[in-house]
């Protein structure tokens, strides 16, 4: 009889211990649930703030015009007649700048760099500084102007030519500006090796510049 009572007592104690354990677990899960709700509420508030702070800016950036351009050369080389006294090599070239973006490109500037320095001289539709500006992109009166007054010194020391168009101040999307029919004259008598003429285009919107996708290049 006592054995049965002792067994029942032990079962009761075990049951009470289980109840205490489950109550402790329940309190634990309630505490975790409250912490999770607080974190969720905090995250929701932060998300609302982020939406107010960042989404309009992203939308504005997405609506900003894309500034993009492509520049390239086309050219033909005319070799001198071996029987003629003048052995100068003539390169007849065109330099094209196309607006490939969605917004206007303002105040275009082009630059040519000749390597080695003094290997060639560039001439073309270039006016003296002080010419009158027009607002026409394509014109039979296409005319360019040296950017610097000391352009001769720059070309002699660095082999660089910097030009801006007089006949236009901007290139609209999908339009092309050209420095057409320029002459590149090379006297090969004192030159040997690789001659390169590089081209670049700059705008208010692309101050770092756009290098031409090709260059004028040949060996002597």
C-alpha atoms as a PDB file:
ATOM      1  CA  UNK A   1       0.000   0.000   0.000  1.00  0.00           C
ATOM      2  CA  UNK A   2       2.804   2.393   0.905  1.00  0.00           C
ATOM      3  CA  UNK A   3       4.557   1.470  -2.330  1.00  0.00           C
ATOM      4  CA  UNK A   4       1.518   2.606  -4.332  1.00  0.00           C
ATOM      5  CA  UNK A   5       1.371   5.889  -2.423  1.00  0.00           C
ATOM      6  CA  UNK A   6       5.072   6.525  -2.991  1.00  0.00           C
ATOM      7  CA  UNK A   7       4.654   5.832  -6.724  1.00  0.00           C
ATOM      8  CA  UNK A   8       1.707   8.208  -6.966  1.00  0.00           C
ATOM      9  CA  UNK A   9       3.643  10.880  -5.097  1.00  0.00           C
ATOM     10  CA  UNK A  10       6.588  10.600  -7.478  1.00  0.00           C
ATOM     11  CA  UNK A  11       4.285  10.838 -10.490  1.00  0.00           C
ATOM     12  CA  UNK A  12       2.670  13.930  -8.993  1.00  0.00           C
ATOM     13  CA  UNK A  13       6.068  15.512  -8.386  1.00  0.00           C
ATOM     14  CA  UNK A  14       7.170  14.724 -11.953  1.00  0.00           C
ATOM     15  CA  UNK A  15       3.941  16.186 -13.301  1.00  0.00           C
ATOM     16  CA  UNK A  16       4.429  19.366 -11.266  1.00  0.00           C
ATOM     17  CA  UNK A  17       7.998  19.643 -12.536  1.00  0.00           C
ATOM     18  CA  UNK A  18       6.777  19.284 -16.122  1.00  0.00           C
ATOM     19  CA  UNK A  19       4.156  21.965 -15.519  1.00  0.00           C
ATOM     20  CA  UNK A  20       6.828  24.305 -14.119  1.00  0.00           C
ATOM     21  CA  UNK A  21       9.062  23.544 -17.105  1.00  0.00           C
ATOM     22  CA  UNK A  22       6.280  24.254 -19.606  1.00  0.00           C
ATOM     23  CA  UNK A  23       5.392  27.485 -17.799  1.00  0.00           C
ATOM     24  CA  UNK A  24       9.035  28.576 -17.995  1.00  0.00           C
ATOM     25  CA  UNK A  25       9.147  27.707 -21.700  1.00  0.00           C
ATOM     26  CA  UNK A  26       5.895  29.599 -22.251  1.00  0.00           C
ATOM     27  CA  UNK A  27       7.324  32.706 -20.550  1.00  0.00           C
ATOM     28  CA  UNK A  28      10.455  32.345 -22.687  1.00  0.00           C
ATOM     29  CA  UNK A  29       8.473  32.195 -25.932  1.00  0.00           C
ATOM     30  CA  UNK A  30       6.283  35.118 -24.852  1.00  0.00           C
ATOM     31  CA  UNK A  31       9.432  37.168 -24.214  1.00  0.00           C
ATOM     32  CA  UNK A  32      10.910  36.186 -27.590  1.00  0.00           C
ATOM     33  CA  UNK A  33       7.609  36.990 -29.278  1.00  0.00           C
ATOM     34  CA  UNK A  34       7.557  40.463 -27.729  1.00  0.00           C
ATOM     35  CA  UNK A  35      11.166  41.105 -28.782  1.00  0.00           C
ATOM     36  CA  UNK A  36      10.367  39.962 -32.314  1.00  0.00           C
ATOM     37  CA  UNK A  37       7.333  42.274 -32.458  1.00  0.00           C
ATOM     38  CA  UNK A  38       9.505  45.203 -31.315  1.00  0.00           C
ATOM     39  CA  UNK A  39      12.135  44.436 -33.968  1.00  0.00           C
ATOM     40  CA  UNK A  40       9.452  44.062 -36.629  1.00  0.00           C
ATOM     41  CA  UNK A  41       7.896  47.382 -35.633  1.00  0.00           C
ATOM     42  CA  UNK A  42      11.318  49.070 -35.647  1.00  0.00           C
ATOM     43  CA  UNK A  43      12.113  47.600 -39.077  1.00  0.00           C
ATOM     44  CA  UNK A  44       8.771  48.792 -40.482  1.00  0.00           C
ATOM     45  CA  UNK A  45       9.391  52.327 -39.237  1.00  0.00           C
ATOM     46  CA  UNK A  46      12.912  52.297 -40.700  1.00  0.00           C
ATOM     47  CA  UNK A  47      11.596  51.021 -44.030  1.00  0.00           C
ATOM     48  CA  UNK A  48       9.046  53.851 -44.164  1.00  0.00           C
ATOM     49  CA  UNK A  49      11.790  56.365 -43.397  1.00  0.00           C
ATOM     50  CA  UNK A  50      14.072  54.862 -46.047  1.00  0.00           C
ATOM     51  CA  UNK A  51      11.294  55.036 -48.603  1.00  0.00           C
ATOM     52  CA  UNK A  52      10.714  58.705 -47.851  1.00  0.00           C
ATOM     53  CA  UNK A  53      14.434  59.455 -47.861  1.00  0.00           C
ATOM     54  CA  UNK A  54      15.819  57.416 -50.743  1.00  0.00           C
ATOM     55  CA  UNK A  55      13.113  56.493 -53.192  1.00  0.00           C
ATOM     56  CA  UNK A  56      12.480  60.034 -54.474  1.00  0.00           C
ATOM     57  CA  UNK A  57      16.228  60.501 -54.999  1.00  0.00           C
ATOM     58  CA  UNK A  58      16.528  57.230 -56.896  1.00  0.00           C
ATOM     59  CA  UNK A  59      13.549  58.190 -59.013  1.00  0.00           C
ATOM     60  CA  UNK A  60      15.099  61.569 -59.728  1.00  0.00           C
ATOM     61  CA  UNK A  61      18.390  59.961 -60.695  1.00  0.00           C
ATOM     62  CA  UNK A  62      16.613  57.521 -62.971  1.00  0.00           C
ATOM     63  CA  UNK A  63      14.959  60.469 -64.703  1.00  0.00           C
ATOM     64  CA  UNK A  64      18.216  62.383 -65.168  1.00  0.00           C
ATOM     65  CA  UNK A  65      19.425  62.541 -68.796  1.00  0.00           C
ATOM     66  CA  UNK A  66      22.160  60.059 -69.615  1.00  0.00           C
ATOM     67  CA  UNK A  67      25.362  61.756 -70.787  1.00  0.00           C
ATOM     68  CA  UNK A  68      27.105  59.530 -73.313  1.00  0.00           C
ATOM     69  CA  UNK A  69      29.071  60.038 -76.526  1.00  0.00           C
ATOM     70  CA  UNK A  70      31.090  58.154 -79.129  1.00  0.00           C
ATOM     71  CA  UNK A  71      34.005  59.576 -81.126  1.00  0.00           C
ATOM     72  CA  UNK A  72      35.880  58.082 -84.072  1.00  0.00           C
ATOM     73  CA  UNK A  73      38.149  58.840 -87.029  1.00  0.00           C
ATOM     74  CA  UNK A  74      37.809  58.064 -90.706  1.00  0.00           C
ATOM     75  CA  UNK A  75      40.774  58.871 -92.926  1.00  0.00           C
ATOM     76  CA  UNK A  76      42.640  58.223 -96.147  1.00  0.00           C
ATOM     77  CA  UNK A  77      46.403  58.258 -96.609  1.00  0.00           C
ATOM     78  CA  UNK A  78      48.079  59.650 -99.729  1.00  0.00           C
ATOM     79  CA  UNK A  79      51.679  58.582-100.258  1.00  0.00           C
ATOM     80  CA  UNK A  80      54.057  60.824-102.211  1.00  0.00           C
ATOM     81  CA  UNK A  81      55.310  60.009-105.677  1.00  0.00           C
ATOM     82  CA  UNK A  82      58.879  58.666-105.313  1.00  0.00           C
ATOM     83  CA  UNK A  83      59.943  60.825-108.262  1.00  0.00           C
ATOM     84  CA  UNK A  84      58.662  64.050-106.723  1.00  0.00           C
ATOM     85  CA  UNK A  85      60.861  66.263-104.609  1.00  0.00           C
ATOM     86  CA  UNK A  86      58.183  66.759-101.948  1.00  0.00           C
ATOM     87  CA  UNK A  87      58.003  63.481-100.013  1.00  0.00           C
ATOM     88  CA  UNK A  88      55.353  64.680 -97.571  1.00  0.00           C
ATOM     89  CA  UNK A  89      52.661  62.160 -96.604  1.00  0.00           C
ATOM     90  CA  UNK A  90      49.132  63.582 -96.588  1.00  0.00           C
ATOM     91  CA  UNK A  91      46.329  62.176 -94.441  1.00  0.00           C
ATOM     92  CA  UNK A  92      42.829  63.474 -95.177  1.00  0.00           C
ATOM     93  CA  UNK A  93      40.628  62.816 -92.173  1.00  0.00           C
ATOM     94  CA  UNK A  94      37.285  63.347 -90.476  1.00  0.00           C
ATOM     95  CA  UNK A  95      36.591  63.251 -86.751  1.00  0.00           C
ATOM     96  CA  UNK A  96      33.019  62.469 -85.682  1.00  0.00           C
ATOM     97  CA  UNK A  97      31.401  62.947 -82.268  1.00  0.00           C
ATOM     98  CA  UNK A  98      27.954  61.383 -81.806  1.00  0.00           C
ATOM     99  CA  UNK A  99      25.674  62.058 -78.848  1.00  0.00           C
ATOM    100  CA  UNK A 100      24.596  58.557 -77.778  1.00  0.00           C
ATOM    101  CA  UNK A 101      22.874  59.719 -74.586  1.00  0.00           C
ATOM    102  CA  UNK A 102      19.414  61.043 -73.765  1.00  0.00           C
ATOM    103  CA  UNK A 103      20.340  64.663 -73.009  1.00  0.00           C
ATOM    104  CA  UNK A 104      22.121  67.499 -74.772  1.00  0.00           C
ATOM    105  CA  UNK A 105      25.918  67.705 -74.667  1.00  0.00           C
ATOM    106  CA  UNK A 106      26.970  71.319 -74.233  1.00  0.00           C
ATOM    107  CA  UNK A 107      30.112  73.174 -75.311  1.00  0.00           C
ATOM    108  CA  UNK A 108      31.942  70.375 -77.141  1.00  0.00           C
ATOM    109  CA  UNK A 109      35.728  70.476 -77.263  1.00  0.00           C
ATOM    110  CA  UNK A 110      37.920  68.100 -79.246  1.00  0.00           C
ATOM    111  CA  UNK A 111      41.569  67.292 -78.725  1.00  0.00           C
ATOM    112  CA  UNK A 112      44.201  65.569 -80.855  1.00  0.00           C
ATOM    113  CA  UNK A 113      47.451  64.181 -79.493  1.00  0.00           C
ATOM    114  CA  UNK A 114      50.280  63.307 -81.864  1.00  0.00           C
ATOM    115  CA  UNK A 115      52.953  60.774 -80.950  1.00  0.00           C
ATOM    116  CA  UNK A 116      55.819  61.353 -81.284  1.00  0.00           C
ATOM    117  CA  UNK A 117      55.578  65.100 -80.739  1.00  0.00           C
ATOM    118  CA  UNK A 118      56.109  67.142 -83.932  1.00  0.00           C
ATOM    119  CA  UNK A 119      55.635  64.052 -86.090  1.00  0.00           C
ATOM    120  CA  UNK A 120      52.791  65.773 -87.951  1.00  0.00           C
ATOM    121  CA  UNK A 121      50.908  69.038 -88.330  1.00  0.00           C
ATOM    122  CA  UNK A 122      47.132  69.418 -88.411  1.00  0.00           C
ATOM    123  CA  UNK A 123      45.280  71.987 -90.489  1.00  0.00           C
ATOM    124  CA  UNK A 124      41.671  72.377 -91.535  1.00  0.00           C
ATOM    125  CA  UNK A 125      38.613  74.562 -91.066  1.00  0.00           C
ATOM    126  CA  UNK A 126      40.199  76.417 -88.174  1.00  0.00           C
ATOM    127  CA  UNK A 127      39.610  80.136 -87.670  1.00  0.00           C
ATOM    128  CA  UNK A 128      41.676  82.588 -85.690  1.00  0.00           C
ATOM    129  CA  UNK A 129      40.557  83.283 -82.123  1.00  0.00           C
ATOM    130  CA  UNK A 130      37.757  85.845 -82.019  1.00  0.00           C
ATOM    131  CA  UNK A 131      35.391  84.346 -84.597  1.00  0.00           C
ATOM    132  CA  UNK A 132      31.630  84.832 -84.314  1.00  0.00           C
ATOM    133  CA  UNK A 133      29.568  81.975 -82.854  1.00  0.00           C
ATOM    134  CA  UNK A 134      26.469  80.574 -84.508  1.00  0.00           C
ATOM    135  CA  UNK A 135      23.846  78.135 -83.168  1.00  0.00           C
ATOM    136  CA  UNK A 136      23.763  75.798 -86.172  1.00  0.00           C
ATOM    137  CA  UNK A 137      24.918  72.202 -85.768  1.00  0.00           C
ATOM    138  CA  UNK A 138      25.563  71.479 -89.431  1.00  0.00           C
ATOM    139  CA  UNK A 139      26.572  74.363 -91.608  1.00  0.00           C
ATOM    140  CA  UNK A 140      28.281  74.902 -94.921  1.00  0.00           C
ATOM    141  CA  UNK A 141      30.289  77.423 -92.918  1.00  0.00           C
ATOM    142  CA  UNK A 142      31.683  74.787 -90.566  1.00  0.00           C
ATOM    143  CA  UNK A 143      34.469  76.424 -88.642  1.00  0.00           C
ATOM    144  CA  UNK A 144      36.564  75.572 -85.631  1.00  0.00           C
ATOM    145  CA  UNK A 145      38.745  77.596 -83.337  1.00  0.00           C
ATOM    146  CA  UNK A 146      41.845  76.883 -81.281  1.00  0.00           C
ATOM    147  CA  UNK A 147      40.969  76.710 -77.606  1.00  0.00           C
ATOM    148  CA  UNK A 148      44.200  78.339 -76.429  1.00  0.00           C
ATOM    149  CA  UNK A 149      45.920  81.451 -77.671  1.00  0.00           C
ATOM    150  CA  UNK A 150      49.295  79.726 -77.297  1.00  0.00           C
ATOM    151  CA  UNK A 151      48.155  76.734 -79.374  1.00  0.00           C
ATOM    152  CA  UNK A 152      51.332  76.760 -81.462  1.00  0.00           C
ATOM    153  CA  UNK A 153      53.443  76.323 -78.347  1.00  0.00           C
ATOM    154  CA  UNK A 154      51.238  73.457 -77.133  1.00  0.00           C
ATOM    155  CA  UNK A 155      51.422  71.700 -80.477  1.00  0.00           C
ATOM    156  CA  UNK A 156      55.189  72.118 -80.613  1.00  0.00           C
ATOM    157  CA  UNK A 157      55.914  71.021 -77.024  1.00  0.00           C
ATOM    158  CA  UNK A 158      53.182  68.443 -76.427  1.00  0.00           C
ATOM    159  CA  UNK A 159      51.912  67.519 -79.871  1.00  0.00           C
ATOM    160  CA  UNK A 160      48.404  68.565 -78.794  1.00  0.00           C
ATOM    161  CA  UNK A 161      45.687  70.442 -80.670  1.00  0.00           C
ATOM    162  CA  UNK A 162      42.575  71.629 -78.804  1.00  0.00           C
ATOM    163  CA  UNK A 163      39.607  72.918 -80.809  1.00  0.00           C
ATOM    164  CA  UNK A 164      36.049  74.070 -80.251  1.00  0.00           C
ATOM    165  CA  UNK A 165      33.352  74.575 -82.904  1.00  0.00           C
ATOM    166  CA  UNK A 166      32.284  78.121 -83.698  1.00  0.00           C
ATOM    167  CA  UNK A 167      29.142  76.999 -85.519  1.00  0.00           C
ATOM    168  CA  UNK A 168      27.467  75.147 -82.610  1.00  0.00           C
ATOM    169  CA  UNK A 169      27.379  75.052 -78.826  1.00  0.00           C
ATOM    170  CA  UNK A 170      25.544  71.782 -78.197  1.00  0.00           C
ATOM    171  CA  UNK A 171      24.885  68.341 -79.655  1.00  0.00           C
ATOM    172  CA  UNK A 172      21.385  66.960 -79.182  1.00  0.00           C
ATOM    173  CA  UNK A 173      20.700  63.207 -78.723  1.00  0.00           C
ATOM    174  CA  UNK A 174      21.540  61.046 -81.764  1.00  0.00           C
ATOM    175  CA  UNK A 175      23.159  63.970 -83.616  1.00  0.00           C
ATOM    176  CA  UNK A 176      26.735  63.988 -84.856  1.00  0.00           C
ATOM    177  CA  UNK A 177      29.210  66.831 -84.912  1.00  0.00           C
ATOM    178  CA  UNK A 178      32.166  66.511 -87.268  1.00  0.00           C
ATOM    179  CA  UNK A 179      35.541  68.122 -87.728  1.00  0.00           C
ATOM    180  CA  UNK A 180      35.586  67.337 -91.412  1.00  0.00           C
ATOM    181  CA  UNK A 181      38.236  67.260 -94.106  1.00  0.00           C
ATOM    182  CA  UNK A 182      41.204  68.115 -91.928  1.00  0.00           C
ATOM    183  CA  UNK A 183      44.738  67.622 -93.241  1.00  0.00           C
ATOM    184  CA  UNK A 184      47.487  65.811 -91.436  1.00  0.00           C
ATOM    185  CA  UNK A 185      50.883  66.385 -93.038  1.00  0.00           C
ATOM    186  CA  UNK A 186      53.861  64.211 -92.200  1.00  0.00           C
ATOM    187  CA  UNK A 187      57.409  64.663 -93.378  1.00  0.00           C
ATOM    188  CA  UNK A 188      58.979  61.195 -93.160  1.00  0.00           C
ATOM    189  CA  UNK A 189      62.545  62.337 -93.816  1.00  0.00           C
ATOM    190  CA  UNK A 190      63.454  62.518 -90.122  1.00  0.00           C
ATOM    191  CA  UNK A 191      60.937  60.008 -88.795  1.00  0.00           C
ATOM    192  CA  UNK A 192      61.090  56.271 -88.285  1.00  0.00           C
ATOM    193  CA  UNK A 193      58.746  54.021 -86.368  1.00  0.00           C
ATOM    194  CA  UNK A 194      55.134  54.194 -85.223  1.00  0.00           C
ATOM    195  CA  UNK A 195      53.099  57.406 -85.571  1.00  0.00           C
ATOM    196  CA  UNK A 196      49.796  57.699 -83.686  1.00  0.00           C
ATOM    197  CA  UNK A 197      47.180  60.453 -83.655  1.00  0.00           C
ATOM    198  CA  UNK A 198      44.683  60.073 -80.810  1.00  0.00           C
ATOM    199  CA  UNK A 199      41.354  61.879 -80.542  1.00  0.00           C
ATOM    200  CA  UNK A 200      39.248  62.983 -77.562  1.00  0.00           C
ATOM    201  CA  UNK A 201      35.959  64.810 -76.983  1.00  0.00           C
ATOM    202  CA  UNK A 202      34.923  66.793 -73.910  1.00  0.00           C
ATOM    203  CA  UNK A 203      31.645  68.388 -72.815  1.00  0.00           C
ATOM    204  CA  UNK A 204      30.213  70.199 -69.812  1.00  0.00           C
ATOM    205  CA  UNK A 205      28.430  66.950 -68.945  1.00  0.00           C
ATOM    206  CA  UNK A 206      31.462  64.671 -69.544  1.00  0.00           C
ATOM    207  CA  UNK A 207      34.421  66.556 -68.138  1.00  0.00           C
ATOM    208  CA  UNK A 208      36.623  63.447 -67.954  1.00  0.00           C
ATOM    209  CA  UNK A 209      36.424  63.186 -71.732  1.00  0.00           C
ATOM    210  CA  UNK A 210      35.613  60.472 -74.251  1.00  0.00           C
ATOM    211  CA  UNK A 211      38.526  58.857 -76.140  1.00  0.00           C
ATOM    212  CA  UNK A 212      37.976  57.977 -79.781  1.00  0.00           C
ATOM    213  CA  UNK A 213      37.257  54.309 -80.408  1.00  0.00           C
ATOM    214  CA  UNK A 214      40.052  54.276 -83.011  1.00  0.00           C
ATOM    215  CA  UNK A 215      43.077  56.368 -83.937  1.00  0.00           C
ATOM    216  CA  UNK A 216      45.150  57.257 -86.958  1.00  0.00           C
ATOM    217  CA  UNK A 217      48.131  54.949 -86.969  1.00  0.00           C
ATOM    218  CA  UNK A 218      50.863  53.846 -89.353  1.00  0.00           C
ATOM    219  CA  UNK A 219      54.532  52.880 -89.475  1.00  0.00           C
ATOM    220  CA  UNK A 220      57.360  54.528 -91.370  1.00  0.00           C
END
